[in-house]
Amino acid sequence: MSSFCSEKTITARKPHRCSGCLKPINAGEKYLRAVGVSDGDFHSNAYHPECREWEVETNSHVVGPYSDDEWCFLHEHVAECRDVLDGAPEEVKRRFPLAGDPA
């Protein structure tokens, strides 16, 4: 059960790694910082905004709206089934190349 969650879009002062796609967020890029407490554990994650949006969309279809019990990062859903990228924005799809494609 989530005690609180806050999201804020900011400009990166240093490089980060997107929690959704695991690709770099470079200094100077806008990114979304999601922080909160869930089941008593603090979390802080950086996301490309479109990765976070698609992660929320994917989880709402897989486990229901804002359910913490089965919430997965976007890269976990993609590893299980690439079909979750159907309908995703092109910039999100490009961050998940097919096996054998250049990364």
N, C-alpha and C. Protein backbone atom coordinates (compact mmCIF):
# COMPACT_ATOMS: atom_id res chain seq x y z
N MET A 1 0.85 -1.17 0.00
CA MET A 1 0.00 0.00 0.00
C MET A 1 0.90 1.23 0.00
N SER A 2 0.61 2.16 -0.89
CA SER A 2 1.41 3.37 -1.01
C SER A 2 0.99 4.39 0.03
N SER A 3 1.98 4.93 0.74
CA SER A 3 1.71 5.98 1.72
C SER A 3 1.68 7.34 1.05
N PHE A 4 2.60 7.56 0.11
CA PHE A 4 2.57 8.77 -0.69
C PHE A 4 3.42 8.58 -1.93
N CYS A 5 3.14 9.38 -2.93
CA CYS A 5 3.93 9.38 -4.16
C CYS A 5 3.86 10.78 -4.74
N SER A 6 5.01 11.28 -5.17
CA SER A 6 5.08 12.60 -5.76
C SER A 6 5.92 12.52 -7.03
N GLU A 7 5.49 13.20 -8.07
CA GLU A 7 6.22 13.23 -9.33
C GLU A 7 6.45 14.69 -9.72
N LYS A 8 7.66 14.95 -10.23
CA LYS A 8 8.01 16.31 -10.62
C LYS A 8 8.93 16.24 -11.84
N THR A 9 8.69 17.08 -12.83
CA THR A 9 9.55 17.15 -14.01
C THR A 9 10.62 18.21 -13.75
N ILE A 10 11.88 17.80 -13.92
CA ILE A 10 13.02 18.69 -13.68
C ILE A 10 14.06 18.49 -14.76
N THR A 11 15.05 19.37 -14.79
CA THR A 11 16.16 19.26 -15.73
C THR A 11 17.33 18.59 -15.03
N ALA A 12 17.88 17.57 -15.67
CA ALA A 12 18.98 16.81 -15.07
C ALA A 12 20.24 17.67 -14.99
N ARG A 13 20.85 17.71 -13.81
CA ARG A 13 22.14 18.37 -13.64
C ARG A 13 23.29 17.39 -13.83
N LYS A 14 22.97 16.11 -13.72
CA LYS A 14 23.97 15.06 -13.92
C LYS A 14 23.26 13.90 -14.62
N PRO A 15 24.02 12.96 -15.17
CA PRO A 15 23.37 11.81 -15.83
C PRO A 15 22.61 10.92 -14.84
N HIS A 16 21.53 10.35 -15.32
CA HIS A 16 20.72 9.39 -14.56
C HIS A 16 20.40 8.23 -15.49
N ARG A 17 19.81 7.18 -14.94
CA ARG A 17 19.34 6.07 -15.75
C ARG A 17 17.84 5.96 -15.57
N CYS A 18 17.11 5.89 -16.66
CA CYS A 18 15.66 5.79 -16.62
C CYS A 18 15.25 4.46 -16.00
N SER A 19 14.41 4.52 -15.00
CA SER A 19 13.91 3.31 -14.34
C SER A 19 12.95 2.53 -15.23
N GLY A 20 12.40 3.19 -16.24
CA GLY A 20 11.47 2.51 -17.15
C GLY A 20 12.16 1.71 -18.23
N CYS A 21 13.11 2.35 -18.93
CA CYS A 21 13.77 1.71 -20.07
C CYS A 21 15.22 1.33 -19.81
N LEU A 22 15.78 1.80 -18.71
CA LEU A 22 17.18 1.56 -18.33
C LEU A 22 18.19 2.25 -19.25
N LYS A 23 17.74 3.18 -20.07
CA LYS A 23 18.62 3.95 -20.94
C LYS A 23 19.02 5.25 -20.23
N PRO A 24 20.12 5.89 -20.68
CA PRO A 24 20.59 7.11 -20.02
C PRO A 24 19.63 8.30 -20.16
N ILE A 25 19.62 9.09 -19.13
CA ILE A 25 19.04 10.43 -19.15
C ILE A 25 20.25 11.35 -18.99
N ASN A 26 20.51 12.15 -20.00
CA ASN A 26 21.72 12.98 -20.01
C ASN A 26 21.51 14.30 -19.28
N ALA A 27 22.61 14.83 -18.77
CA ALA A 27 22.58 16.16 -18.15
C ALA A 27 21.98 17.15 -19.15
N GLY A 28 21.09 17.99 -18.67
CA GLY A 28 20.43 18.98 -19.52
C GLY A 28 19.08 18.53 -20.04
N GLU A 29 18.78 17.23 -19.98
CA GLU A 29 17.49 16.71 -20.43
C GLU A 29 16.44 16.86 -19.35
N LYS A 30 15.20 17.08 -19.75
CA LYS A 30 14.06 17.07 -18.82
C LYS A 30 13.78 15.61 -18.47
N TYR A 31 13.51 15.36 -17.20
CA TYR A 31 13.13 14.03 -16.78
C TYR A 31 12.14 14.13 -15.63
N LEU A 32 11.50 13.02 -15.34
CA LEU A 32 10.52 12.98 -14.27
C LEU A 32 11.12 12.25 -13.08
N ARG A 33 11.05 12.87 -11.91
CA ARG A 33 11.52 12.25 -10.67
C ARG A 33 10.28 11.80 -9.90
N ALA A 34 10.17 10.51 -9.64
CA ALA A 34 9.06 9.95 -8.88
C ALA A 34 9.60 9.47 -7.54
N VAL A 35 9.07 10.00 -6.47
CA VAL A 35 9.49 9.60 -5.12
C VAL A 35 8.26 9.23 -4.31
N GLY A 36 8.47 8.38 -3.32
CA GLY A 36 7.35 8.01 -2.47
C GLY A 36 7.72 6.92 -1.49
N VAL A 37 6.72 6.50 -0.76
CA VAL A 37 6.85 5.40 0.19
C VAL A 37 5.78 4.38 -0.16
N SER A 38 6.20 3.13 -0.28
CA SER A 38 5.29 2.03 -0.57
C SER A 38 5.66 0.86 0.33
N ASP A 39 4.69 0.35 1.05
CA ASP A 39 4.91 -0.74 2.00
C ASP A 39 6.05 -0.43 2.96
N GLY A 40 6.16 0.84 3.35
CA GLY A 40 7.18 1.26 4.30
C GLY A 40 8.56 1.51 3.72
N ASP A 41 8.73 1.28 2.41
CA ASP A 41 10.03 1.48 1.75
C ASP A 41 10.01 2.76 0.93
N PHE A 42 11.06 3.58 1.09
CA PHE A 42 11.21 4.80 0.30
C PHE A 42 11.72 4.43 -1.09
N HIS A 43 11.22 5.10 -2.11
CA HIS A 43 11.74 4.91 -3.46
C HIS A 43 11.90 6.26 -4.14
N SER A 44 12.89 6.33 -5.01
CA SER A 44 13.16 7.51 -5.81
C SER A 44 13.64 7.03 -7.17
N ASN A 45 12.89 7.36 -8.21
CA ASN A 45 13.20 6.88 -9.55
C ASN A 45 13.21 8.03 -10.54
N ALA A 46 14.11 7.93 -11.52
CA ALA A 46 14.19 8.90 -12.62
C ALA A 46 13.62 8.25 -13.87
N TYR A 47 12.88 9.01 -14.67
CA TYR A 47 12.25 8.50 -15.89
C TYR A 47 12.33 9.50 -17.02
N HIS A 48 12.45 8.99 -18.25
CA HIS A 48 12.06 9.80 -19.39
C HIS A 48 10.55 9.99 -19.22
N PRO A 49 10.02 11.19 -19.41
CA PRO A 49 8.58 11.40 -19.17
C PRO A 49 7.69 10.42 -19.94
N GLU A 50 8.03 10.15 -21.20
CA GLU A 50 7.19 9.25 -21.99
C GLU A 50 7.31 7.79 -21.52
N CYS A 51 8.46 7.41 -20.96
CA CYS A 51 8.60 6.06 -20.38
C CYS A 51 7.69 5.92 -19.15
N ARG A 52 7.67 6.94 -18.31
CA ARG A 52 6.81 6.89 -17.12
C ARG A 52 5.35 6.83 -17.53
N GLU A 53 4.98 7.64 -18.51
CA GLU A 53 3.59 7.66 -18.97
C GLU A 53 3.18 6.27 -19.48
N TRP A 54 4.05 5.63 -20.27
CA TRP A 54 3.71 4.32 -20.81
C TRP A 54 3.75 3.25 -19.72
N GLU A 55 4.63 3.39 -18.73
CA GLU A 55 4.67 2.46 -17.61
C GLU A 55 3.36 2.50 -16.83
N VAL A 56 2.87 3.69 -16.56
CA VAL A 56 1.59 3.85 -15.85
C VAL A 56 0.46 3.25 -16.68
N GLU A 57 0.46 3.55 -17.98
CA GLU A 57 -0.56 3.01 -18.88
C GLU A 57 -0.52 1.48 -18.89
N THR A 58 0.66 0.91 -19.01
CA THR A 58 0.82 -0.54 -19.05
C THR A 58 0.36 -1.18 -17.74
N ASN A 59 0.80 -0.64 -16.62
CA ASN A 59 0.40 -1.20 -15.33
C ASN A 59 -1.09 -1.07 -15.09
N SER A 60 -1.71 -0.01 -15.56
CA SER A 60 -3.15 0.15 -15.33
C SER A 60 -3.93 -0.92 -16.09
N HIS A 61 -3.39 -1.41 -17.22
CA HIS A 61 -4.07 -2.47 -17.97
C HIS A 61 -3.74 -3.85 -17.41
N VAL A 62 -2.53 -4.02 -16.88
CA VAL A 62 -2.10 -5.33 -16.40
C VAL A 62 -2.59 -5.61 -14.99
N VAL A 63 -2.46 -4.64 -14.08
CA VAL A 63 -2.79 -4.88 -12.67
C VAL A 63 -3.88 -3.95 -12.13
N GLY A 64 -4.44 -3.10 -12.94
CA GLY A 64 -5.46 -2.19 -12.46
C GLY A 64 -4.86 -0.86 -12.06
N PRO A 65 -5.69 0.16 -12.02
CA PRO A 65 -5.18 1.51 -11.74
C PRO A 65 -4.51 1.63 -10.38
N TYR A 66 -3.24 2.02 -10.44
CA TYR A 66 -2.46 2.38 -9.25
C TYR A 66 -2.42 1.29 -8.18
N SER A 67 -2.37 0.04 -8.58
CA SER A 67 -2.21 -1.06 -7.63
C SER A 67 -0.73 -1.27 -7.37
N ASP A 68 -0.31 -1.15 -6.13
CA ASP A 68 1.09 -1.35 -5.77
C ASP A 68 1.49 -2.82 -5.71
N ASP A 69 0.51 -3.70 -5.53
CA ASP A 69 0.81 -5.10 -5.29
C ASP A 69 1.58 -5.77 -6.42
N GLU A 70 1.26 -5.48 -7.65
CA GLU A 70 1.88 -6.14 -8.80
C GLU A 70 2.55 -5.15 -9.75
N TRP A 71 2.83 -3.94 -9.29
CA TRP A 71 3.42 -2.91 -10.15
C TRP A 71 4.79 -3.35 -10.63
N CYS A 72 5.04 -3.18 -11.93
CA CYS A 72 6.35 -3.53 -12.51
C CYS A 72 6.89 -2.34 -13.29
N PHE A 73 8.21 -2.25 -13.35
CA PHE A 73 8.84 -1.25 -14.20
C PHE A 73 8.57 -1.62 -15.66
N LEU A 74 8.59 -0.63 -16.53
CA LEU A 74 8.31 -0.86 -17.94
C LEU A 74 9.24 -1.91 -18.54
N HIS A 75 10.53 -1.84 -18.23
CA HIS A 75 11.47 -2.81 -18.81
C HIS A 75 11.15 -4.24 -18.38
N GLU A 76 10.56 -4.42 -17.20
CA GLU A 76 10.15 -5.76 -16.75
C GLU A 76 8.97 -6.28 -17.58
N HIS A 77 8.02 -5.39 -17.87
CA HIS A 77 6.90 -5.79 -18.73
C HIS A 77 7.39 -6.16 -20.13
N VAL A 78 8.29 -5.35 -20.68
CA VAL A 78 8.78 -5.59 -22.04
C VAL A 78 9.56 -6.91 -22.08
N ALA A 79 10.35 -7.20 -21.05
CA ALA A 79 11.10 -8.46 -21.02
C ALA A 79 10.16 -9.66 -21.01
N GLU A 80 9.01 -9.50 -20.39
CA GLU A 80 8.03 -10.59 -20.31
C GLU A 80 7.22 -10.71 -21.60
N CYS A 81 6.88 -9.57 -22.21
CA CYS A 81 6.05 -9.60 -23.41
C CYS A 81 6.19 -8.27 -24.16
N ARG A 82 6.83 -8.31 -25.32
CA ARG A 82 7.06 -7.08 -26.11
C ARG A 82 5.75 -6.44 -26.58
N ASP A 83 4.66 -7.18 -26.54
CA ASP A 83 3.38 -6.63 -26.99
C ASP A 83 2.95 -5.41 -26.19
N VAL A 84 3.51 -5.22 -24.99
CA VAL A 84 3.15 -4.04 -24.20
C VAL A 84 3.58 -2.75 -24.90
N LEU A 85 4.46 -2.87 -25.91
CA LEU A 85 4.89 -1.69 -26.66
C LEU A 85 3.92 -1.33 -27.79
N ASP A 86 2.93 -2.21 -28.06
CA ASP A 86 1.94 -1.88 -29.08
C ASP A 86 1.20 -0.62 -28.66
N GLY A 87 1.24 0.38 -29.51
CA GLY A 87 0.58 1.64 -29.21
C GLY A 87 1.44 2.62 -28.43
N ALA A 88 2.64 2.20 -28.02
CA ALA A 88 3.55 3.10 -27.28
C ALA A 88 4.07 4.20 -28.21
N PRO A 89 4.42 5.35 -27.66
CA PRO A 89 5.05 6.40 -28.46
C PRO A 89 6.34 5.88 -29.12
N GLU A 90 6.65 6.37 -30.29
CA GLU A 90 7.83 5.91 -31.03
C GLU A 90 9.12 6.07 -30.23
N GLU A 91 9.26 7.16 -29.45
CA GLU A 91 10.48 7.35 -28.68
C GLU A 91 10.65 6.27 -27.61
N VAL A 92 9.53 5.73 -27.11
CA VAL A 92 9.61 4.62 -26.15
C VAL A 92 10.01 3.34 -26.89
N LYS A 93 9.38 3.07 -28.02
CA LYS A 93 9.71 1.86 -28.80
C LYS A 93 11.19 1.83 -29.18
N ARG A 94 11.74 2.99 -29.56
CA ARG A 94 13.16 3.05 -29.96
C ARG A 94 14.11 2.68 -28.82
N ARG A 95 13.67 2.84 -27.61
CA ARG A 95 14.53 2.50 -26.45
C ARG A 95 14.55 1.01 -26.15
N PHE A 96 13.74 0.24 -26.87
CA PHE A 96 13.67 -1.21 -26.69
C PHE A 96 13.89 -1.90 -28.04
N PRO A 97 15.14 -1.88 -28.55
CA PRO A 97 15.39 -2.52 -29.85
C PRO A 97 15.15 -4.04 -29.76
N LEU A 98 14.80 -4.61 -30.89
CA LEU A 98 14.66 -6.06 -30.97
C LEU A 98 16.02 -6.72 -30.79
N ALA A 99 16.04 -7.95 -30.34
CA ALA A 99 17.29 -8.70 -30.19
C ALA A 99 18.02 -8.72 -31.52
N GLY A 100 19.30 -8.42 -31.50
CA GLY A 100 20.09 -8.39 -32.72
C GLY A 100 20.18 -7.02 -33.36
N ASP A 101 19.23 -6.11 -33.01
CA ASP A 101 19.29 -4.75 -33.52
C ASP A 101 20.33 -3.96 -32.72
N PRO A 102 20.99 -2.98 -33.37
CA PRO A 102 21.94 -2.15 -32.60
C PRO A 102 21.19 -1.38 -31.51
N ALA A 103 21.78 -1.28 -30.36
CA ALA A 103 21.14 -0.59 -29.22
C ALA A 103 21.23 0.90 -29.33
